[in-house]
Amino acid sequence: QVQLVESGGGLVQRGGSLRLSCAASGSISGFNPMGWYRQAPGKQRELVASISSGGNAIYAESVKGRFTISRDNAENTVALQMNDLKPEDTAVYYCKAVTRLLNLEYWGQGTQVTVSS
C-alpha cells in the first residue's frame, strides 16, 4: 500500500508563493502520471497539474504560467511550485498517483492553501 503525504500548505497573501511537496512511501517510478488536484469549498475536485514519468506536464488553464510541477524519482517526491497566488487558488490541494499497471489510484490526505486578498 503506497502512502502519499503532502506538505507545504499555509496562508499567504495575494501575489505570494508556496511550494507543495508530496512524498511517497515507496518508489514513484511505477506511477504514471502523478498530479496535483484541488478542491475549494462547495466545488468539485479539479486537476491543477499532472506530470508523466517522462516529465511531460499539463496544467489547468487557470494556473498556466504561475504553477510548475516537477517530480524527483530519486527522492520519490512530486512538487508544485505556486507563484503569484490569487484568492481563487484557495483550496485543499491533493496529491494523486496512478500506477502504470492496473491504473490504481492513490491519494494523499490533502494540504490547505489559503490566499488572502
Protein backbone atom coordinates (compact mmCIF):
# COMPACT_ATOMS: atom_id res chain seq x y z
CA GLN A 1 0.00 0.00 0.00
CA VAL A 2 1.51 3.31 -1.08
CA GLN A 3 1.11 6.35 1.10
CA LEU A 4 1.30 9.89 -0.18
CA VAL A 5 1.94 12.71 2.27
CA GLU A 6 1.54 16.34 1.23
CA SER A 7 3.21 19.27 2.94
CA GLY A 8 3.88 22.93 2.33
CA GLY A 9 0.41 24.42 2.52
CA GLY A 10 -0.39 27.50 4.51
CA LEU A 11 -1.66 31.06 4.50
CA VAL A 12 -0.18 33.52 2.05
CA GLN A 13 -1.11 36.95 0.71
CA ARG A 14 -2.14 37.63 -2.85
CA GLY A 15 0.90 37.55 -5.11
CA GLY A 16 2.84 35.32 -2.78
CA SER A 17 4.35 31.89 -3.36
CA LEU A 18 4.14 28.45 -1.84
CA ARG A 19 5.82 25.16 -2.66
CA LEU A 20 3.86 21.99 -2.06
CA SER A 21 5.59 18.65 -1.77
CA CYS A 22 4.20 15.14 -2.00
CA ALA A 23 6.34 12.37 -0.54
CA ALA A 24 5.62 8.75 -1.43
CA SER A 25 6.30 5.87 0.92
CA GLY A 26 7.93 3.95 -1.90
CA SER A 27 9.33 4.37 -5.36
CA ILE A 28 7.35 6.62 -7.69
CA SER A 29 8.92 5.20 -10.82
CA GLY A 30 5.91 2.96 -11.23
CA PHE A 31 3.48 5.85 -11.25
CA ASN A 32 2.36 7.47 -14.46
CA PRO A 33 1.15 10.08 -14.10
CA MET A 34 1.37 11.89 -10.79
CA GLY A 35 -0.53 15.06 -10.21
CA TRP A 36 -1.97 17.73 -8.02
CA TYR A 37 -5.68 18.35 -7.63
CA ARG A 38 -7.55 20.89 -5.56
CA GLN A 39 -10.98 21.24 -4.06
CA ALA A 40 -12.45 24.50 -2.90
CA PRO A 41 -15.47 24.63 -0.57
CA GLY A 42 -18.65 23.80 -2.43
CA LYS A 43 -16.79 22.89 -5.61
CA GLN A 44 -15.72 19.69 -7.29
CA ARG A 45 -12.17 18.46 -7.12
CA GLU A 46 -10.24 19.62 -10.18
CA LEU A 47 -6.94 18.88 -11.82
CA VAL A 48 -4.27 21.51 -11.24
CA ALA A 49 -1.25 19.88 -12.86
CA SER A 50 -0.06 16.46 -13.88
CA ILE A 51 3.33 15.07 -14.84
CA SER A 52 4.20 11.87 -16.66
CA SER A 53 7.04 9.54 -15.82
CA GLY A 54 8.91 11.13 -18.70
CA GLY A 55 8.48 14.60 -17.29
CA ASN A 56 5.75 15.87 -19.60
CA ALA A 57 3.46 18.23 -17.73
CA ILE A 58 -0.04 19.55 -18.28
CA TYR A 59 -1.71 22.39 -16.41
CA ALA A 60 -5.17 23.76 -15.84
CA GLU A 61 -5.67 26.96 -17.80
CA SER A 62 -6.18 28.92 -14.60
CA VAL A 63 -2.66 28.15 -13.32
CA LYS A 64 -0.61 28.16 -16.53
CA GLY A 65 2.39 30.42 -16.23
CA ARG A 66 2.09 30.59 -12.44
CA PHE A 67 2.44 26.98 -11.25
CA THR A 68 5.16 24.46 -12.05
CA ILE A 69 5.00 20.75 -11.33
CA SER A 70 8.10 18.61 -11.01
CA ARG A 71 8.98 15.11 -9.93
CA ASP A 72 12.13 13.64 -8.44
CA ASN A 73 12.20 9.89 -8.95
CA ALA A 74 15.32 9.56 -6.82
CA GLU A 75 13.69 11.28 -3.85
CA ASN A 76 10.22 9.84 -4.53
CA THR A 77 8.63 13.28 -4.43
CA VAL A 78 6.42 15.45 -6.58
CA ALA A 79 6.39 19.18 -6.05
CA LEU A 80 4.13 22.04 -7.06
CA GLN A 81 5.69 25.48 -7.12
CA MET A 82 2.94 28.08 -6.93
CA ASN A 83 3.74 31.69 -7.72
CA ASP A 84 1.58 34.80 -8.00
CA LEU A 85 -1.11 33.19 -5.89
CA LYS A 86 -4.65 34.53 -6.06
CA PRO A 87 -7.57 34.23 -3.62
CA GLU A 88 -9.27 31.88 -6.09
CA ASP A 89 -6.39 29.43 -5.59
CA THR A 90 -7.64 28.84 -2.06
CA ALA A 91 -8.43 25.15 -1.69
CA VAL A 92 -7.30 21.87 -0.24
CA TYR A 93 -4.60 20.50 -2.51
CA TYR A 94 -4.25 16.76 -3.01
CA CYS A 95 -1.51 14.64 -4.49
CA LYS A 96 -2.55 11.76 -6.72
CA ALA A 97 -0.58 8.88 -8.18
CA VAL A 98 -1.71 6.37 -10.78
CA THR A 99 0.06 3.07 -11.25
CA ARG A 100 1.34 2.14 -14.70
CA LEU A 101 -0.20 -1.30 -14.33
CA LEU A 102 -3.87 -1.63 -13.45
CA ASN A 103 -4.31 2.17 -13.23
CA LEU A 104 -4.75 2.06 -9.47
CA GLU A 105 -5.17 5.48 -7.88
CA TYR A 106 -3.64 6.70 -4.64
CA TRP A 107 -4.44 9.97 -2.92
CA GLY A 108 -2.80 11.95 -0.19
CA GLN A 109 -4.71 13.43 2.73
CA GLY A 110 -4.55 16.98 1.38
CA THR A 111 -2.96 20.23 2.47
CA GLN A 112 -4.79 23.53 2.89
CA VAL A 113 -3.74 26.55 0.85
CA THR A 114 -5.33 29.86 1.75
CA VAL A 115 -4.65 33.04 -0.20
CA SER A 116 -5.80 36.26 1.40
CA SER A 117 -6.66 39.39 -0.53
